[in-house]
């Protein structure tokens, strides 16, 4: 049985702890600098450490759920100690350091997974299947917005929110963007942007992504507009609707919209189970090369916003 630990026990780290305690593995302990988090360890009857390095000799694998600026240092230490790692997104804030971690994991024959949990969302996987039936894609819009809690202080909205939307498109589409253009604004912080619009040019169509910490609504959704059908996916509620509409100047054919049945799931649980299965089967299910592409697109979005130029990928 795989022995697992969690490094970082904030709100999302608590979810990792809960899931590890519910699935087929042996949860050994947690590490967190705040000694008050020992109460969590007591709740799950596991070991507690303020130094994550003391946890490493006791486990086979760890979830790293800490601020993004700490990812590189901690993941590198874990890999150098021979531990499989599931690190929350983004892997790092730059492609160079991300590639170093990917190569280190590969050289040591270890699983390095990045927590893009929407790949395990039932609505996203249904969208991946349905996109083949839409005809020629004409354009895409996506939103990842909310303001129901204070923004993170380790990265801006592009790397924190936009990276999810970009990864979803990399996952569900057979093509990758050719150019990136972005506009952003900083209202809450001089260092990190809190709203951005990212345009991805795929050659035959464009995708416009809205990411914001300022919007009063909470939404994670997509519209994919095809020549034969249009489809809407609410990723938060896991609802998918199809609109069979063909539009032309000569004639518009419209059939009634319909809901597509989605077997709702808990994506984080599916992700952690897949991580542990990859370790057990040594199959390297997680394609971290795609994570490098996702990180690179976010880098270029920030560069585009700074320079005001559209940038080739």
C-alpha atoms as a PDB file:
ATOM      1  CA  UNK A   1       0.000   0.000   0.000  1.00  0.00           C
ATOM      2  CA  UNK A   2       1.349   3.407  -0.954  1.00  0.00           C
ATOM      3  CA  UNK A   3       2.313   5.611   1.996  1.00  0.00           C
ATOM      4  CA  UNK A   4       1.303   9.231   1.396  1.00  0.00           C
ATOM      5  CA  UNK A   5       1.770  12.591   3.058  1.00  0.00           C
ATOM      6  CA  UNK A   6       0.572  16.147   2.515  1.00  0.00           C
ATOM      7  CA  UNK A   7       2.791  19.236   2.608  1.00  0.00           C
ATOM      8  CA  UNK A   8       0.699  22.309   3.333  1.00  0.00           C
ATOM      9  CA  UNK A   9      -2.654  22.259   5.100  1.00  0.00           C
ATOM     10  CA  UNK A  10      -4.515  25.373   4.030  1.00  0.00           C
ATOM     11  CA  UNK A  11      -8.049  25.174   2.659  1.00  0.00           C
ATOM     12  CA  UNK A  12      -7.058  23.051  -0.342  1.00  0.00           C
ATOM     13  CA  UNK A  13      -4.531  21.016   1.607  1.00  0.00           C
ATOM     14  CA  UNK A  14      -7.356  20.011   3.934  1.00  0.00           C
ATOM     15  CA  UNK A  15      -9.198  18.563   0.935  1.00  0.00           C
ATOM     16  CA  UNK A  16      -6.141  16.501   0.004  1.00  0.00           C
ATOM     17  CA  UNK A  17      -5.961  15.191   3.581  1.00  0.00           C
ATOM     18  CA  UNK A  18      -9.625  14.229   3.606  1.00  0.00           C
ATOM     19  CA  UNK A  19      -9.404  12.379   0.314  1.00  0.00           C
ATOM     20  CA  UNK A  20      -6.228  10.481   1.189  1.00  0.00           C
ATOM     21  CA  UNK A  21      -7.991   9.365   4.363  1.00  0.00           C
ATOM     22  CA  UNK A  22     -10.943   8.038   2.326  1.00  0.00           C
ATOM     23  CA  UNK A  23      -9.118   6.071  -0.390  1.00  0.00           C
ATOM     24  CA  UNK A  24      -6.928   2.985  -0.584  1.00  0.00           C
ATOM     25  CA  UNK A  25      -3.581   4.225   0.717  1.00  0.00           C
ATOM     26  CA  UNK A  26      -1.863   4.785   4.054  1.00  0.00           C
ATOM     27  CA  UNK A  27      -1.932   8.437   5.080  1.00  0.00           C
ATOM     28  CA  UNK A  28       1.191   8.949   7.218  1.00  0.00           C
ATOM     29  CA  UNK A  29       1.265  12.616   8.097  1.00  0.00           C
ATOM     30  CA  UNK A  30       1.163  16.296   7.240  1.00  0.00           C
ATOM     31  CA  UNK A  31       3.759  19.045   7.319  1.00  0.00           C
ATOM     32  CA  UNK A  32       2.957  22.697   7.920  1.00  0.00           C
ATOM     33  CA  UNK A  33       4.945  25.567   9.381  1.00  0.00           C
ATOM     34  CA  UNK A  34       2.028  26.544  11.604  1.00  0.00           C
ATOM     35  CA  UNK A  35       2.080  24.400  14.722  1.00  0.00           C
ATOM     36  CA  UNK A  36      -1.645  25.019  15.213  1.00  0.00           C
ATOM     37  CA  UNK A  37      -2.250  22.689  12.254  1.00  0.00           C
ATOM     38  CA  UNK A  38      -1.326  19.783  14.517  1.00  0.00           C
ATOM     39  CA  UNK A  39      -5.035  19.667  15.307  1.00  0.00           C
ATOM     40  CA  UNK A  40      -5.579  18.355  11.769  1.00  0.00           C
ATOM     41  CA  UNK A  41      -3.041  15.623  12.316  1.00  0.00           C
ATOM     42  CA  UNK A  42      -4.780  14.680  15.549  1.00  0.00           C
ATOM     43  CA  UNK A  43      -8.122  14.579  13.718  1.00  0.00           C
ATOM     44  CA  UNK A  44      -6.788  11.993  11.264  1.00  0.00           C
ATOM     45  CA  UNK A  45      -4.565  10.267  13.835  1.00  0.00           C
ATOM     46  CA  UNK A  46      -1.450  10.872  11.745  1.00  0.00           C
ATOM     47  CA  UNK A  47       1.999  12.396  12.340  1.00  0.00           C
ATOM     48  CA  UNK A  48       2.640  16.126  12.264  1.00  0.00           C
ATOM     49  CA  UNK A  49       5.800  17.978  11.248  1.00  0.00           C
ATOM     50  CA  UNK A  50       6.680  21.656  11.004  1.00  0.00           C
ATOM     51  CA  UNK A  51       9.573  20.719   8.684  1.00  0.00           C
ATOM     52  CA  UNK A  52       8.383  18.820   5.606  1.00  0.00           C
ATOM     53  CA  UNK A  53      11.794  17.191   5.210  1.00  0.00           C
ATOM     54  CA  UNK A  54      11.143  15.136   8.341  1.00  0.00           C
ATOM     55  CA  UNK A  55       8.046  13.668   6.664  1.00  0.00           C
ATOM     56  CA  UNK A  56       9.852  12.490   3.524  1.00  0.00           C
ATOM     57  CA  UNK A  57      11.640   9.387   4.883  1.00  0.00           C
ATOM     58  CA  UNK A  58       8.259   7.981   6.005  1.00  0.00           C
ATOM     59  CA  UNK A  59       6.342   8.214   2.715  1.00  0.00           C
ATOM     60  CA  UNK A  60       6.378   7.074  -0.918  1.00  0.00           C
ATOM     61  CA  UNK A  61       4.445  10.050  -2.281  1.00  0.00           C
ATOM     62  CA  UNK A  62       3.370  13.545  -1.310  1.00  0.00           C
ATOM     63  CA  UNK A  63       0.880  16.201  -2.275  1.00  0.00           C
ATOM     64  CA  UNK A  64       2.520  19.621  -2.295  1.00  0.00           C
ATOM     65  CA  UNK A  65      -0.172  22.185  -1.492  1.00  0.00           C
ATOM     66  CA  UNK A  66       1.760  25.337  -0.622  1.00  0.00           C
ATOM     67  CA  UNK A  67       2.031  28.846  -2.132  1.00  0.00           C
ATOM     68  CA  UNK A  68       3.273  28.775  -5.718  1.00  0.00           C
ATOM     69  CA  UNK A  69       6.520  30.598  -4.955  1.00  0.00           C
ATOM     70  CA  UNK A  70       7.533  27.613  -2.780  1.00  0.00           C
ATOM     71  CA  UNK A  71       6.748  24.905  -5.359  1.00  0.00           C
ATOM     72  CA  UNK A  72      10.156  24.735  -7.018  1.00  0.00           C
ATOM     73  CA  UNK A  73      12.177  24.389  -3.815  1.00  0.00           C
ATOM     74  CA  UNK A  74       9.880  21.844  -2.162  1.00  0.00           C
ATOM     75  CA  UNK A  75       9.146  19.713  -5.236  1.00  0.00           C
ATOM     76  CA  UNK A  76      12.855  19.541  -6.077  1.00  0.00           C
ATOM     77  CA  UNK A  77      13.679  18.401  -2.542  1.00  0.00           C
ATOM     78  CA  UNK A  78      10.951  15.756  -2.651  1.00  0.00           C
ATOM     79  CA  UNK A  79      12.112  14.405  -6.019  1.00  0.00           C
ATOM     80  CA  UNK A  80      15.748  14.350  -4.902  1.00  0.00           C
ATOM     81  CA  UNK A  81      14.594  12.239  -1.970  1.00  0.00           C
ATOM     82  CA  UNK A  82      12.965   9.749  -4.325  1.00  0.00           C
ATOM     83  CA  UNK A  83       9.341  10.702  -3.665  1.00  0.00           C
ATOM     84  CA  UNK A  84       6.514  10.819  -6.206  1.00  0.00           C
ATOM     85  CA  UNK A  85       4.868  14.243  -6.229  1.00  0.00           C
ATOM     86  CA  UNK A  86       1.436  15.679  -6.935  1.00  0.00           C
ATOM     87  CA  UNK A  87       1.933  19.451  -6.870  1.00  0.00           C
ATOM     88  CA  UNK A  88      -0.930  21.891  -7.121  1.00  0.00           C
ATOM     89  CA  UNK A  89      -0.997  24.089 -10.206  1.00  0.00           C
ATOM     90  CA  UNK A  90       0.923  25.890 -11.495  1.00  0.00           C
ATOM     91  CA  UNK A  91       3.998  23.696 -11.271  1.00  0.00           C
ATOM     92  CA  UNK A  92       6.101  26.901 -11.113  1.00  0.00           C
ATOM     93  CA  UNK A  93       5.785  30.456 -12.392  1.00  0.00           C
ATOM     94  CA  UNK A  94       8.282  30.013 -15.239  1.00  0.00           C
ATOM     95  CA  UNK A  95       8.989  27.396 -17.881  1.00  0.00           C
ATOM     96  CA  UNK A  96      12.705  27.085 -17.112  1.00  0.00           C
ATOM     97  CA  UNK A  97      12.258  25.905 -13.532  1.00  0.00           C
ATOM     98  CA  UNK A  98       9.248  23.782 -14.508  1.00  0.00           C
ATOM     99  CA  UNK A  99      11.294  21.992 -17.170  1.00  0.00           C
ATOM    100  CA  UNK A 100      14.059  21.352 -14.625  1.00  0.00           C
ATOM    101  CA  UNK A 101      11.583  19.598 -12.309  1.00  0.00           C
ATOM    102  CA  UNK A 102      10.101  17.576 -15.180  1.00  0.00           C
ATOM    103  CA  UNK A 103      13.558  16.401 -16.253  1.00  0.00           C
ATOM    104  CA  UNK A 104      14.534  15.599 -12.664  1.00  0.00           C
ATOM    105  CA  UNK A 105      11.440  13.430 -12.201  1.00  0.00           C
ATOM    106  CA  UNK A 106      12.079  11.700 -15.512  1.00  0.00           C
ATOM    107  CA  UNK A 107      15.723  10.994 -14.682  1.00  0.00           C
ATOM    108  CA  UNK A 108      14.736   9.500 -11.331  1.00  0.00           C
ATOM    109  CA  UNK A 109      11.813   7.545 -12.855  1.00  0.00           C
ATOM    110  CA  UNK A 110       9.325   9.255 -10.550  1.00  0.00           C
ATOM    111  CA  UNK A 111       5.755  10.398 -11.120  1.00  0.00           C
ATOM    112  CA  UNK A 112       5.431  14.185 -11.150  1.00  0.00           C
ATOM    113  CA  UNK A 113       1.786  15.213 -11.512  1.00  0.00           C
ATOM    114  CA  UNK A 114       0.422  18.754 -11.618  1.00  0.00           C
ATOM    115  CA  UNK A 115      -2.972  19.432 -10.074  1.00  0.00           C
ATOM    116  CA  UNK A 116      -5.065  20.408 -13.062  1.00  0.00           C
ATOM    117  CA  UNK A 117      -8.130  18.800 -11.549  1.00  0.00           C
ATOM    118  CA  UNK A 118     -10.497  19.926 -14.320  1.00  0.00           C
ATOM    119  CA  UNK A 119      -9.063  17.117 -16.459  1.00  0.00           C
ATOM    120  CA  UNK A 120     -10.906  14.837 -14.042  1.00  0.00           C
ATOM    121  CA  UNK A 121     -14.141  16.850 -14.091  1.00  0.00           C
ATOM    122  CA  UNK A 122     -16.972  14.858 -15.692  1.00  0.00           C
ATOM    123  CA  UNK A 123     -18.301  17.907 -17.549  1.00  0.00           C
ATOM    124  CA  UNK A 124     -14.870  18.581 -19.078  1.00  0.00           C
ATOM    125  CA  UNK A 125     -14.484  14.994 -20.225  1.00  0.00           C
ATOM    126  CA  UNK A 126     -17.964  15.095 -21.760  1.00  0.00           C
ATOM    127  CA  UNK A 127     -17.009  18.347 -23.476  1.00  0.00           C
ATOM    128  CA  UNK A 128     -13.902  16.641 -24.862  1.00  0.00           C
ATOM    129  CA  UNK A 129     -16.123  14.012 -26.497  1.00  0.00           C
ATOM    130  CA  UNK A 130     -18.824  16.381 -27.716  1.00  0.00           C
ATOM    131  CA  UNK A 131     -16.464  18.906 -29.304  1.00  0.00           C
ATOM    132  CA  UNK A 132     -15.913  16.402 -32.140  1.00  0.00           C
ATOM    133  CA  UNK A 133     -19.586  16.732 -33.139  1.00  0.00           C
ATOM    134  CA  UNK A 134     -19.847  20.525 -33.342  1.00  0.00           C
ATOM    135  CA  UNK A 135     -18.646  20.914 -36.916  1.00  0.00           C
ATOM    136  CA  UNK A 136     -15.970  23.495 -37.594  1.00  0.00           C
ATOM    137  CA  UNK A 137     -15.146  25.456 -34.432  1.00  0.00           C
ATOM    138  CA  UNK A 138     -15.848  29.152 -34.999  1.00  0.00           C
ATOM    139  CA  UNK A 139     -14.863  30.581 -31.620  1.00  0.00           C
ATOM    140  CA  UNK A 140     -14.657  29.806 -27.901  1.00  0.00           C
ATOM    141  CA  UNK A 141     -15.262  31.871 -24.776  1.00  0.00           C
ATOM    142  CA  UNK A 142     -14.372  30.848 -21.258  1.00  0.00           C
ATOM    143  CA  UNK A 143     -14.683  32.394 -17.791  1.00  0.00           C
ATOM    144  CA  UNK A 144     -12.995  31.735 -14.479  1.00  0.00           C
ATOM    145  CA  UNK A 145     -14.253  34.460 -12.183  1.00  0.00           C
ATOM    146  CA  UNK A 146     -15.233  35.182  -8.594  1.00  0.00           C
ATOM    147  CA  UNK A 147     -14.775  37.606  -5.722  1.00  0.00           C
ATOM    148  CA  UNK A 148     -16.224  35.646  -2.807  1.00  0.00           C
ATOM    149  CA  UNK A 149     -12.875  35.494  -1.020  1.00  0.00           C
ATOM    150  CA  UNK A 150      -9.637  37.470  -0.931  1.00  0.00           C
ATOM    151  CA  UNK A 151      -7.238  36.862  -3.835  1.00  0.00           C
ATOM    152  CA  UNK A 152      -4.140  34.744  -3.432  1.00  0.00           C
ATOM    153  CA  UNK A 153      -0.891  36.581  -2.752  1.00  0.00           C
ATOM    154  CA  UNK A 154       1.523  34.219  -4.515  1.00  0.00           C
ATOM    155  CA  UNK A 155       0.521  34.853  -8.146  1.00  0.00           C
ATOM    156  CA  UNK A 156      -1.800  36.905 -10.312  1.00  0.00           C
ATOM    157  CA  UNK A 157      -5.088  35.895 -11.850  1.00  0.00           C
ATOM    158  CA  UNK A 158      -3.442  34.633 -15.069  1.00  0.00           C
ATOM    159  CA  UNK A 159      -1.356  31.950 -13.390  1.00  0.00           C
ATOM    160  CA  UNK A 160      -3.990  31.291 -10.730  1.00  0.00           C
ATOM    161  CA  UNK A 161      -7.211  31.196 -12.800  1.00  0.00           C
ATOM    162  CA  UNK A 162      -6.232  31.498 -16.443  1.00  0.00           C
ATOM    163  CA  UNK A 163      -3.945  28.494 -16.289  1.00  0.00           C
ATOM    164  CA  UNK A 164      -6.982  26.252 -15.629  1.00  0.00           C
ATOM    165  CA  UNK A 165      -8.835  27.502 -18.726  1.00  0.00           C
ATOM    166  CA  UNK A 166      -5.737  27.190 -20.895  1.00  0.00           C
ATOM    167  CA  UNK A 167      -5.066  23.658 -19.669  1.00  0.00           C
ATOM    168  CA  UNK A 168      -8.673  22.637 -20.336  1.00  0.00           C
ATOM    169  CA  UNK A 169      -8.398  23.840 -23.944  1.00  0.00           C
ATOM    170  CA  UNK A 170      -5.078  22.030 -24.379  1.00  0.00           C
ATOM    171  CA  UNK A 171      -6.814  18.913 -23.073  1.00  0.00           C
ATOM    172  CA  UNK A 172     -10.075  18.949 -25.035  1.00  0.00           C
ATOM    173  CA  UNK A 173      -8.835  20.272 -28.392  1.00  0.00           C
ATOM    174  CA  UNK A 174      -6.709  18.485 -30.979  1.00  0.00           C
ATOM    175  CA  UNK A 175      -4.872  21.696 -31.794  1.00  0.00           C
ATOM    176  CA  UNK A 176      -2.774  24.162 -29.814  1.00  0.00           C
ATOM    177  CA  UNK A 177      -2.788  27.967 -30.030  1.00  0.00           C
ATOM    178  CA  UNK A 178      -0.408  29.676 -32.432  1.00  0.00           C
ATOM    179  CA  UNK A 179      -0.490  33.206 -30.990  1.00  0.00           C
ATOM    180  CA  UNK A 180      -1.254  34.831 -27.626  1.00  0.00           C
ATOM    181  CA  UNK A 181      -2.573  38.313 -26.917  1.00  0.00           C
ATOM    182  CA  UNK A 182      -3.535  39.592 -23.475  1.00  0.00           C
ATOM    183  CA  UNK A 183      -4.740  42.713 -21.705  1.00  0.00           C
ATOM    184  CA  UNK A 184      -4.634  42.889 -17.907  1.00  0.00           C
ATOM    185  CA  UNK A 185      -5.250  45.373 -15.098  1.00  0.00           C
ATOM    186  CA  UNK A 186      -4.025  45.797 -11.535  1.00  0.00           C
ATOM    187  CA  UNK A 187      -6.540  47.328  -9.139  1.00  0.00           C
ATOM    188  CA  UNK A 188      -5.746  45.524  -5.872  1.00  0.00           C
ATOM    189  CA  UNK A 189      -2.000  45.016  -6.163  1.00  0.00           C
ATOM    190  CA  UNK A 190       0.894  46.635  -8.005  1.00  0.00           C
ATOM    191  CA  UNK A 191       2.617  43.254  -8.242  1.00  0.00           C
ATOM    192  CA  UNK A 192      -0.178  40.929  -9.410  1.00  0.00           C
ATOM    193  CA  UNK A 193      -2.944  41.437 -11.967  1.00  0.00           C
ATOM    194  CA  UNK A 194      -6.502  40.830 -10.769  1.00  0.00           C
ATOM    195  CA  UNK A 195      -8.347  40.869 -14.102  1.00  0.00           C
ATOM    196  CA  UNK A 196      -7.250  39.791 -17.570  1.00  0.00           C
ATOM    197  CA  UNK A 197      -8.602  38.925 -20.999  1.00  0.00           C
ATOM    198  CA  UNK A 198      -6.528  36.357 -22.879  1.00  0.00           C
ATOM    199  CA  UNK A 199      -6.967  35.797 -26.623  1.00  0.00           C
ATOM    200  CA  UNK A 200      -5.610  32.556 -28.039  1.00  0.00           C
ATOM    201  CA  UNK A 201      -5.343  32.460 -31.838  1.00  0.00           C
ATOM    202  CA  UNK A 202      -5.595  28.914 -33.202  1.00  0.00           C
ATOM    203  CA  UNK A 203      -5.413  29.979 -36.844  1.00  0.00           C
ATOM    204  CA  UNK A 204      -8.931  28.832 -37.817  1.00  0.00           C
ATOM    205  CA  UNK A 205     -10.642  30.219 -34.705  1.00  0.00           C
ATOM    206  CA  UNK A 206      -9.990  32.232 -31.565  1.00  0.00           C
ATOM    207  CA  UNK A 207     -10.629  31.655 -27.870  1.00  0.00           C
ATOM    208  CA  UNK A 208     -11.294  34.556 -25.504  1.00  0.00           C
ATOM    209  CA  UNK A 209     -10.770  33.871 -21.809  1.00  0.00           C
ATOM    210  CA  UNK A 210     -11.960  36.150 -19.001  1.00  0.00           C
ATOM    211  CA  UNK A 211     -10.266  35.748 -15.624  1.00  0.00           C
ATOM    212  CA  UNK A 212     -11.081  37.964 -12.670  1.00  0.00           C
ATOM    213  CA  UNK A 213     -10.969  38.290  -8.910  1.00  0.00           C
ATOM    214  CA  UNK A 214     -13.345  41.263  -9.086  1.00  0.00           C
ATOM    215  CA  UNK A 215     -16.528  39.833 -10.620  1.00  0.00           C
ATOM    216  CA  UNK A 216     -19.514  39.430  -8.242  1.00  0.00           C
ATOM    217  CA  UNK A 217     -20.445  36.054  -9.727  1.00  0.00           C
ATOM    218  CA  UNK A 218     -18.609  32.765  -9.345  1.00  0.00           C
ATOM    219  CA  UNK A 219     -18.326  30.993 -12.683  1.00  0.00           C
ATOM    220  CA  UNK A 220     -16.143  28.402 -14.386  1.00  0.00           C
ATOM    221  CA  UNK A 221     -17.697  27.907 -17.796  1.00  0.00           C
ATOM    222  CA  UNK A 222     -17.175  27.633 -21.546  1.00  0.00           C
ATOM    223  CA  UNK A 223     -19.083  28.303 -24.739  1.00  0.00           C
ATOM    224  CA  UNK A 224     -17.800  26.459 -27.795  1.00  0.00           C
ATOM    225  CA  UNK A 225     -19.438  27.747 -30.954  1.00  0.00           C
ATOM    226  CA  UNK A 226     -19.357  25.304 -33.851  1.00  0.00           C
ATOM    227  CA  UNK A 227     -20.788  25.482 -37.361  1.00  0.00           C
ATOM    228  CA  UNK A 228     -23.335  22.717 -36.665  1.00  0.00           C
ATOM    229  CA  UNK A 229     -23.842  22.883 -32.918  1.00  0.00           C
ATOM    230  CA  UNK A 230     -23.066  25.153 -30.014  1.00  0.00           C
ATOM    231  CA  UNK A 231     -22.307  23.779 -26.567  1.00  0.00           C
ATOM    232  CA  UNK A 232     -22.250  25.317 -23.095  1.00  0.00           C
ATOM    233  CA  UNK A 233     -20.511  23.758 -20.106  1.00  0.00           C
ATOM    234  CA  UNK A 234     -20.810  24.903 -16.494  1.00  0.00           C
ATOM    235  CA  UNK A 235     -17.779  23.214 -14.951  1.00  0.00           C
ATOM    236  CA  UNK A 236     -18.652  24.199 -11.396  1.00  0.00           C
ATOM    237  CA  UNK A 237     -22.146  22.713 -11.456  1.00  0.00           C
ATOM    238  CA  UNK A 238     -21.131  20.068 -14.042  1.00  0.00           C
ATOM    239  CA  UNK A 239     -23.936  20.956 -16.458  1.00  0.00           C
ATOM    240  CA  UNK A 240     -23.601  20.626 -20.240  1.00  0.00           C
ATOM    241  CA  UNK A 241     -26.151  21.965 -22.763  1.00  0.00           C
ATOM    242  CA  UNK A 242     -26.178  21.498 -26.529  1.00  0.00           C
ATOM    243  CA  UNK A 243     -27.704  23.919 -29.043  1.00  0.00           C
ATOM    244  CA  UNK A 244     -28.134  22.406 -32.554  1.00  0.00           C
ATOM    245  CA  UNK A 245     -28.099  25.602 -34.624  1.00  0.00           C
ATOM    246  CA  UNK A 246     -26.675  26.130 -38.110  1.00  0.00           C
ATOM    247  CA  UNK A 247     -26.536  29.780 -39.152  1.00  0.00           C
ATOM    248  CA  UNK A 248     -26.141  31.246 -42.655  1.00  0.00           C
ATOM    249  CA  UNK A 249     -27.358  34.296 -44.559  1.00  0.00           C
ATOM    250  CA  UNK A 250     -29.626  32.089 -46.626  1.00  0.00           C
ATOM    251  CA  UNK A 251     -31.143  29.917 -43.924  1.00  0.00           C
ATOM    252  CA  UNK A 252     -30.836  29.246 -40.213  1.00  0.00           C
ATOM    253  CA  UNK A 253     -31.696  25.793 -38.905  1.00  0.00           C
ATOM    254  CA  UNK A 254     -32.379  25.590 -35.184  1.00  0.00           C
ATOM    255  CA  UNK A 255     -33.454  22.595 -33.152  1.00  0.00           C
ATOM    256  CA  UNK A 256     -34.403  22.650 -29.446  1.00  0.00           C
ATOM    257  CA  UNK A 257     -31.579  22.852 -26.944  1.00  0.00           C
ATOM    258  CA  UNK A 258     -30.965  19.803 -24.759  1.00  0.00           C
ATOM    259  CA  UNK A 259     -29.168  18.934 -21.546  1.00  0.00           C
ATOM    260  CA  UNK A 260     -26.564  16.198 -21.822  1.00  0.00           C
ATOM    261  CA  UNK A 261     -26.459  13.899 -18.840  1.00  0.00           C
ATOM    262  CA  UNK A 262     -23.351  14.367 -16.723  1.00  0.00           C
ATOM    263  CA  UNK A 263     -22.375  11.821 -14.094  1.00  0.00           C
ATOM    264  CA  UNK A 264     -21.153  14.319 -11.520  1.00  0.00           C
ATOM    265  CA  UNK A 265     -18.002  13.474  -9.609  1.00  0.00           C
ATOM    266  CA  UNK A 266     -15.437  14.917  -7.210  1.00  0.00           C
ATOM    267  CA  UNK A 267     -12.540  15.775  -9.537  1.00  0.00           C
ATOM    268  CA  UNK A 268      -9.894  16.057  -6.813  1.00  0.00           C
ATOM    269  CA  UNK A 269     -10.653  12.552  -5.590  1.00  0.00           C
ATOM    270  CA  UNK A 270     -10.411  11.202  -9.151  1.00  0.00           C
ATOM    271  CA  UNK A 271      -7.122  13.047  -9.622  1.00  0.00           C
ATOM    272  CA  UNK A 272      -5.519  11.679  -6.455  1.00  0.00           C
ATOM    273  CA  UNK A 273      -6.695   8.146  -7.233  1.00  0.00           C
ATOM    274  CA  UNK A 274      -5.171   8.458 -10.732  1.00  0.00           C
ATOM    275  CA  UNK A 275      -1.921   9.736  -9.181  1.00  0.00           C
ATOM    276  CA  UNK A 276      -1.680   6.728  -6.878  1.00  0.00           C
ATOM    277  CA  UNK A 277      -2.562   4.340  -9.713  1.00  0.00           C
ATOM    278  CA  UNK A 278       0.195   5.847 -11.834  1.00  0.00           C
ATOM    279  CA  UNK A 279       2.663   5.157  -9.038  1.00  0.00           C
ATOM    280  CA  UNK A 280       1.433   1.601  -8.552  1.00  0.00           C
ATOM    281  CA  UNK A 281       1.432   0.818 -12.285  1.00  0.00           C
ATOM    282  CA  UNK A 282       4.540   2.872 -13.127  1.00  0.00           C
ATOM    283  CA  UNK A 283       2.688   4.111 -16.193  1.00  0.00           C
ATOM    284  CA  UNK A 284       3.407   7.867 -16.033  1.00  0.00           C
ATOM    285  CA  UNK A 285      -0.192   8.704 -16.904  1.00  0.00           C
ATOM    286  CA  UNK A 286       0.328  12.413 -16.313  1.00  0.00           C
ATOM    287  CA  UNK A 287       1.757  14.207 -19.345  1.00  0.00           C
ATOM    288  CA  UNK A 288       3.820  16.933 -17.717  1.00  0.00           C
ATOM    289  CA  UNK A 289       5.111  18.059 -21.120  1.00  0.00           C
ATOM    290  CA  UNK A 290       1.657  19.583 -21.611  1.00  0.00           C
ATOM    291  CA  UNK A 291       2.029  21.336 -18.266  1.00  0.00           C
ATOM    292  CA  UNK A 292       5.138  23.037 -19.663  1.00  0.00           C
ATOM    293  CA  UNK A 293       3.065  24.307 -22.580  1.00  0.00           C
ATOM    294  CA  UNK A 294       0.382  25.621 -20.230  1.00  0.00           C
ATOM    295  CA  UNK A 295       2.998  27.435 -18.161  1.00  0.00           C
ATOM    296  CA  UNK A 296       4.573  28.872 -21.305  1.00  0.00           C
ATOM    297  CA  UNK A 297       1.246  30.238 -22.572  1.00  0.00           C
ATOM    298  CA  UNK A 298       0.702  32.009 -19.230  1.00  0.00           C
ATOM    299  CA  UNK A 299       4.214  33.469 -19.446  1.00  0.00           C
ATOM    300  CA  UNK A 300       3.485  34.774 -22.934  1.00  0.00           C
ATOM    301  CA  UNK A 301       0.140  36.211 -21.801  1.00  0.00           C
ATOM    302  CA  UNK A 302       1.946  38.259 -19.157  1.00  0.00           C
ATOM    303  CA  UNK A 303       4.575  39.330 -21.693  1.00  0.00           C
ATOM    304  CA  UNK A 304       1.870  40.320 -24.174  1.00  0.00           C
ATOM    305  CA  UNK A 305       0.062  42.373 -21.537  1.00  0.00           C
ATOM    306  CA  UNK A 306       3.329  44.124 -20.693  1.00  0.00           C
ATOM    307  CA  UNK A 307       4.370  44.872 -24.272  1.00  0.00           C
ATOM    308  CA  UNK A 308       0.932  45.272 -25.888  1.00  0.00           C
ATOM    309  CA  UNK A 309       1.961  42.868 -28.670  1.00  0.00           C
ATOM    310  CA  UNK A 310       0.503  39.614 -29.952  1.00  0.00           C
ATOM    311  CA  UNK A 311       3.166  36.946 -29.448  1.00  0.00           C
ATOM    312  CA  UNK A 312       3.830  33.801 -31.459  1.00  0.00           C
ATOM    313  CA  UNK A 313       3.844  30.606 -29.441  1.00  0.00           C
END
